[in-house]
Amino acid sequence: MYKILIIEDDQIIAKALKNHLDKWELETQIVEDFHHILDQFVGVFQVLCICEN
């Protein structure tokens, strides 16, 4: 199963994206602590990281 880390400060957008990806049976995780993003990224192997520019 693919694992996707969503880095988005707008929780409405992050949750909408997560809900959409979950329909495709993808394992998604939303970053909630922006001071420890790297720990969360390294802690779980990620295939795709989605972040806001």
PDB file of N, CA and C in Angstrom:
ATOM      1  N   MET A   1       0.846  -1.181   0.000  1.00  0.00           N
ATOM      2  CA  MET A   1       0.000   0.000   0.000  1.00  0.00           C
ATOM      3  C   MET A   1       0.886   1.238   0.000  1.00  0.00           C
ATOM      4  N   TYR A   2       0.474   2.238  -0.761  1.00  0.00           N
ATOM      5  CA  TYR A   2       1.213   3.491  -0.817  1.00  0.00           C
ATOM      6  C   TYR A   2       0.931   4.328   0.425  1.00  0.00           C
ATOM      7  N   LYS A   3       1.952   5.014   0.903  1.00  0.00           N
ATOM      8  CA  LYS A   3       1.814   5.894   2.058  1.00  0.00           C
ATOM      9  C   LYS A   3       2.099   7.316   1.606  1.00  0.00           C
ATOM     10  N   ILE A   4       1.214   8.241   1.969  1.00  0.00           N
ATOM     11  CA  ILE A   4       1.322   9.620   1.516  1.00  0.00           C
ATOM     12  C   ILE A   4       1.274  10.547   2.724  1.00  0.00           C
ATOM     13  N   LEU A   5       2.243  11.440   2.788  1.00  0.00           N
ATOM     14  CA  LEU A   5       2.291  12.446   3.842  1.00  0.00           C
ATOM     15  C   LEU A   5       1.783  13.759   3.276  1.00  0.00           C
ATOM     16  N   ILE A   6       0.767  14.319   3.907  1.00  0.00           N
ATOM     17  CA  ILE A   6       0.173  15.581   3.457  1.00  0.00           C
ATOM     18  C   ILE A   6       0.657  16.694   4.383  1.00  0.00           C
ATOM     19  N   ILE A   7       1.357  17.661   3.799  1.00  0.00           N
ATOM     20  CA  ILE A   7       1.840  18.818   4.559  1.00  0.00           C
ATOM     21  C   ILE A   7       1.050  20.026   4.070  1.00  0.00           C
ATOM     22  N   GLU A   8       0.064  20.414   4.839  1.00  0.00           N
ATOM     23  CA  GLU A   8      -0.836  21.505   4.456  1.00  0.00           C
ATOM     24  C   GLU A   8      -1.316  22.179   5.728  1.00  0.00           C
ATOM     25  N   ASP A   9      -1.125  23.491   5.829  1.00  0.00           N
ATOM     26  CA  ASP A   9      -1.519  24.196   7.051  1.00  0.00           C
ATOM     27  C   ASP A   9      -3.021  24.474   7.120  1.00  0.00           C
ATOM     28  N   ASP A  10      -3.715  24.443   6.017  1.00  0.00           N
ATOM     29  CA  ASP A  10      -5.163  24.620   6.010  1.00  0.00           C
ATOM     30  C   ASP A  10      -5.801  23.247   6.233  1.00  0.00           C
ATOM     31  N   GLN A  11      -6.365  23.049   7.402  1.00  0.00           N
ATOM     32  CA  GLN A  11      -6.910  21.735   7.771  1.00  0.00           C
ATOM     33  C   GLN A  11      -8.089  21.320   6.905  1.00  0.00           C
ATOM     34  N   ILE A  12      -8.847  22.272   6.399  1.00  0.00           N
ATOM     35  CA  ILE A  12      -9.984  21.930   5.527  1.00  0.00           C
ATOM     36  C   ILE A  12      -9.472  21.302   4.236  1.00  0.00           C
ATOM     37  N   ILE A  13      -8.444  21.905   3.652  1.00  0.00           N
ATOM     38  CA  ILE A  13      -7.852  21.361   2.423  1.00  0.00           C
ATOM     39  C   ILE A  13      -7.194  20.018   2.709  1.00  0.00           C
ATOM     40  N   ALA A  14      -6.447  19.937   3.805  1.00  0.00           N
ATOM     41  CA  ALA A  14      -5.743  18.696   4.149  1.00  0.00           C
ATOM     42  C   ALA A  14      -6.723  17.540   4.343  1.00  0.00           C
ATOM     43  N   LYS A  15      -7.804  17.784   5.060  1.00  0.00           N
ATOM     44  CA  LYS A  15      -8.786  16.724   5.309  1.00  0.00           C
ATOM     45  C   LYS A  15      -9.529  16.336   4.031  1.00  0.00           C
ATOM     46  N   ALA A  16      -9.827  17.309   3.181  1.00  0.00           N
ATOM     47  CA  ALA A  16     -10.500  17.006   1.910  1.00  0.00           C
ATOM     48  C   ALA A  16      -9.592  16.150   1.033  1.00  0.00           C
ATOM     49  N   LEU A  17      -8.323  16.492   0.987  1.00  0.00           N
ATOM     50  CA  LEU A  17      -7.366  15.710   0.207  1.00  0.00           C
ATOM     51  C   LEU A  17      -7.226  14.302   0.773  1.00  0.00           C
ATOM     52  N   LYS A  18      -7.136  14.203   2.099  1.00  0.00           N
ATOM     53  CA  LYS A  18      -7.033  12.895   2.757  1.00  0.00           C
ATOM     54  C   LYS A  18      -8.263  12.034   2.450  1.00  0.00           C
ATOM     55  N   ASN A  19      -9.438  12.620   2.566  1.00  0.00           N
ATOM     56  CA  ASN A  19     -10.673  11.878   2.297  1.00  0.00           C
ATOM     57  C   ASN A  19     -10.707  11.374   0.852  1.00  0.00           C
ATOM     58  N   HIS A  20     -10.273  12.194  -0.072  1.00  0.00           N
ATOM     59  CA  HIS A  20     -10.259  11.790  -1.480  1.00  0.00           C
ATOM     60  C   HIS A  20      -9.273  10.645  -1.705  1.00  0.00           C
ATOM     61  N   LEU A  21      -8.069  10.757  -1.147  1.00  0.00           N
ATOM     62  CA  LEU A  21      -7.047   9.724  -1.330  1.00  0.00           C
ATOM     63  C   LEU A  21      -7.428   8.422  -0.624  1.00  0.00           C
ATOM     64  N   ASP A  22      -8.118   8.534   0.514  1.00  0.00           N
ATOM     65  CA  ASP A  22      -8.549   7.335   1.246  1.00  0.00           C
ATOM     66  C   ASP A  22      -9.533   6.498   0.422  1.00  0.00           C
ATOM     67  N   LYS A  23     -10.295   7.148  -0.438  1.00  0.00           N
ATOM     68  CA  LYS A  23     -11.229   6.418  -1.307  1.00  0.00           C
ATOM     69  C   LYS A  23     -10.485   5.496  -2.265  1.00  0.00           C
ATOM     70  N   TRP A  24      -9.239   5.822  -2.557  1.00  0.00           N
ATOM     71  CA  TRP A  24      -8.399   5.010  -3.437  1.00  0.00           C
ATOM     72  C   TRP A  24      -7.601   3.988  -2.648  1.00  0.00           C
ATOM     73  N   GLU A  25      -7.947   3.835  -1.363  1.00  0.00           N
ATOM     74  CA  GLU A  25      -7.293   2.884  -0.456  1.00  0.00           C
ATOM     75  C   GLU A  25      -5.803   3.182  -0.302  1.00  0.00           C
ATOM     76  N   LEU A  26      -5.476   4.477  -0.260  1.00  0.00           N
ATOM     77  CA  LEU A  26      -4.107   4.901  -0.006  1.00  0.00           C
ATOM     78  C   LEU A  26      -3.994   5.273   1.466  1.00  0.00           C
ATOM     79  N   GLU A  27      -2.877   4.949   2.076  1.00  0.00           N
ATOM     80  CA  GLU A  27      -2.657   5.283   3.477  1.00  0.00           C
ATOM     81  C   GLU A  27      -2.114   6.708   3.546  1.00  0.00           C
ATOM     82  N   THR A  28      -2.884   7.592   4.154  1.00  0.00           N
ATOM     83  CA  THR A  28      -2.493   8.997   4.221  1.00  0.00           C
ATOM     84  C   THR A  28      -2.311   9.436   5.661  1.00  0.00           C
ATOM     85  N   GLN A  29      -1.455  10.416   5.815  1.00  0.00           N
ATOM     86  CA  GLN A  29      -1.203  10.990   7.134  1.00  0.00           C
ATOM     87  C   GLN A  29      -1.053  12.494   6.962  1.00  0.00           C
ATOM     88  N   ILE A  30      -1.721  13.266   7.804  1.00  0.00           N
ATOM     89  CA  ILE A  30      -1.644  14.725   7.765  1.00  0.00           C
ATOM     90  C   ILE A  30      -0.676  15.190   8.843  1.00  0.00           C
ATOM     91  N   VAL A  31       0.252  16.057   8.462  1.00  0.00           N
ATOM     92  CA  VAL A  31       1.167  16.641   9.441  1.00  0.00           C
ATOM     93  C   VAL A  31       0.375  17.596  10.316  1.00  0.00           C
ATOM     94  N   GLU A  32       0.498  17.435  11.624  1.00  0.00           N
ATOM     95  CA  GLU A  32      -0.209  18.315  12.550  1.00  0.00           C
ATOM     96  C   GLU A  32       0.753  19.177  13.358  1.00  0.00           C
ATOM     97  N   ASP A  33       1.988  18.719  13.521  1.00  0.00           N
ATOM     98  CA  ASP A  33       2.998  19.474  14.269  1.00  0.00           C
ATOM     99  C   ASP A  33       4.059  19.936  13.282  1.00  0.00           C
ATOM    100  N   PHE A  34       3.965  21.182  12.861  1.00  0.00           N
ATOM    101  CA  PHE A  34       4.853  21.699  11.828  1.00  0.00           C
ATOM    102  C   PHE A  34       6.274  21.954  12.327  1.00  0.00           C
ATOM    103  N   HIS A  35       6.494  21.824  13.619  1.00  0.00           N
ATOM    104  CA  HIS A  35       7.853  21.967  14.165  1.00  0.00           C
ATOM    105  C   HIS A  35       8.624  20.652  14.074  1.00  0.00           C
ATOM    106  N   HIS A  36       7.930  19.555  13.801  1.00  0.00           N
ATOM    107  CA  HIS A  36       8.569  18.240  13.751  1.00  0.00           C
ATOM    108  C   HIS A  36       8.210  17.485  12.464  1.00  0.00           C
ATOM    109  N   ILE A  37       8.130  18.216  11.357  1.00  0.00           N
ATOM    110  CA  ILE A  37       7.773  17.595  10.077  1.00  0.00           C
ATOM    111  C   ILE A  37       8.795  16.544   9.682  1.00  0.00           C
ATOM    112  N   LEU A  38      10.075  16.863   9.833  1.00  0.00           N
ATOM    113  CA  LEU A  38      11.112  15.926   9.410  1.00  0.00           C
ATOM    114  C   LEU A  38      11.027  14.616  10.185  1.00  0.00           C
ATOM    115  N   ASP A  39      10.754  14.691  11.489  1.00  0.00           N
ATOM    116  CA  ASP A  39      10.599  13.469  12.289  1.00  0.00           C
ATOM    117  C   ASP A  39       9.459  12.607  11.749  1.00  0.00           C
ATOM    118  N   GLN A  40       8.376  13.233  11.399  1.00  0.00           N
ATOM    119  CA  GLN A  40       7.219  12.506  10.887  1.00  0.00           C
ATOM    120  C   GLN A  40       7.523  11.935   9.500  1.00  0.00           C
ATOM    121  N   PHE A  41       8.252  12.690   8.686  1.00  0.00           N
ATOM    122  CA  PHE A  41       8.599  12.242   7.338  1.00  0.00           C
ATOM    123  C   PHE A  41       9.547  11.051   7.381  1.00  0.00           C
ATOM    124  N   VAL A  42      10.560  11.122   8.238  1.00  0.00           N
ATOM    125  CA  VAL A  42      11.555  10.057   8.329  1.00  0.00           C
ATOM    126  C   VAL A  42      10.988   8.852   9.078  1.00  0.00           C
ATOM    127  N   GLY A  43      10.057   9.088   9.991  1.00  0.00           N
ATOM    128  CA  GLY A  43       9.519   8.017  10.820  1.00  0.00           C
ATOM    129  C   GLY A  43       8.768   6.951  10.057  1.00  0.00           C
ATOM    130  N   VAL A  44       8.188   7.303   8.928  1.00  0.00           N
ATOM    131  CA  VAL A  44       7.412   6.364   8.123  1.00  0.00           C
ATOM    132  C   VAL A  44       7.852   6.530   6.678  1.00  0.00           C
ATOM    133  N   PHE A  45       8.139   5.410   6.011  1.00  0.00           N
ATOM    134  CA  PHE A  45       8.545   5.490   4.612  1.00  0.00           C
ATOM    135  C   PHE A  45       7.420   6.091   3.801  1.00  0.00           C
ATOM    136  N   GLN A  46       7.726   7.141   3.082  1.00  0.00           N
ATOM    137  CA  GLN A  46       6.725   7.829   2.282  1.00  0.00           C
ATOM    138  C   GLN A  46       6.996   7.620   0.799  1.00  0.00           C
ATOM    139  N   VAL A  47       5.984   7.360   0.046  1.00  0.00           N
ATOM    140  CA  VAL A  47       6.117   7.245  -1.396  1.00  0.00           C
ATOM    141  C   VAL A  47       5.887   8.607  -2.039  1.00  0.00           C
ATOM    142  N   LEU A  48       4.964   9.383  -1.465  1.00  0.00           N
ATOM    143  CA  LEU A  48       4.632  10.688  -2.021  1.00  0.00           C
ATOM    144  C   LEU A  48       4.435  11.657  -0.875  1.00  0.00           C
ATOM    145  N   CYS A  49       5.001  12.821  -1.017  1.00  0.00           N
ATOM    146  CA  CYS A  49       4.822  13.893  -0.034  1.00  0.00           C
ATOM    147  C   CYS A  49       4.157  15.056  -0.744  1.00  0.00           C
ATOM    148  N   ILE A  50       3.008  15.497  -0.250  1.00  0.00           N
ATOM    149  CA  ILE A  50       2.289  16.607  -0.844  1.00  0.00           C
ATOM    150  C   ILE A  50       2.426  17.798   0.095  1.00  0.00           C
ATOM    151  N   CYS A  51       2.979  18.877  -0.426  1.00  0.00           N
ATOM    152  CA  CYS A  51       3.134  20.058   0.420  1.00  0.00           C
ATOM    153  C   CYS A  51       2.799  21.308  -0.373  1.00  0.00           C
ATOM    154  N   GLU A  52       2.431  22.333   0.364  1.00  0.00           N
ATOM    155  CA  GLU A  52       2.074  23.600  -0.229  1.00  0.00           C
ATOM    156  C   GLU A  52       3.341  24.361  -0.569  1.00  0.00           C
ATOM    157  N   ASN A  53       3.314  25.051  -1.670  1.00  0.00           N
ATOM    158  CA  ASN A  53       4.478  25.825  -2.092  1.00  0.00           C
ATOM    159  C   ASN A  53       4.489  27.174  -1.434  1.00  0.00           C
TER     160      ASN A  53
END
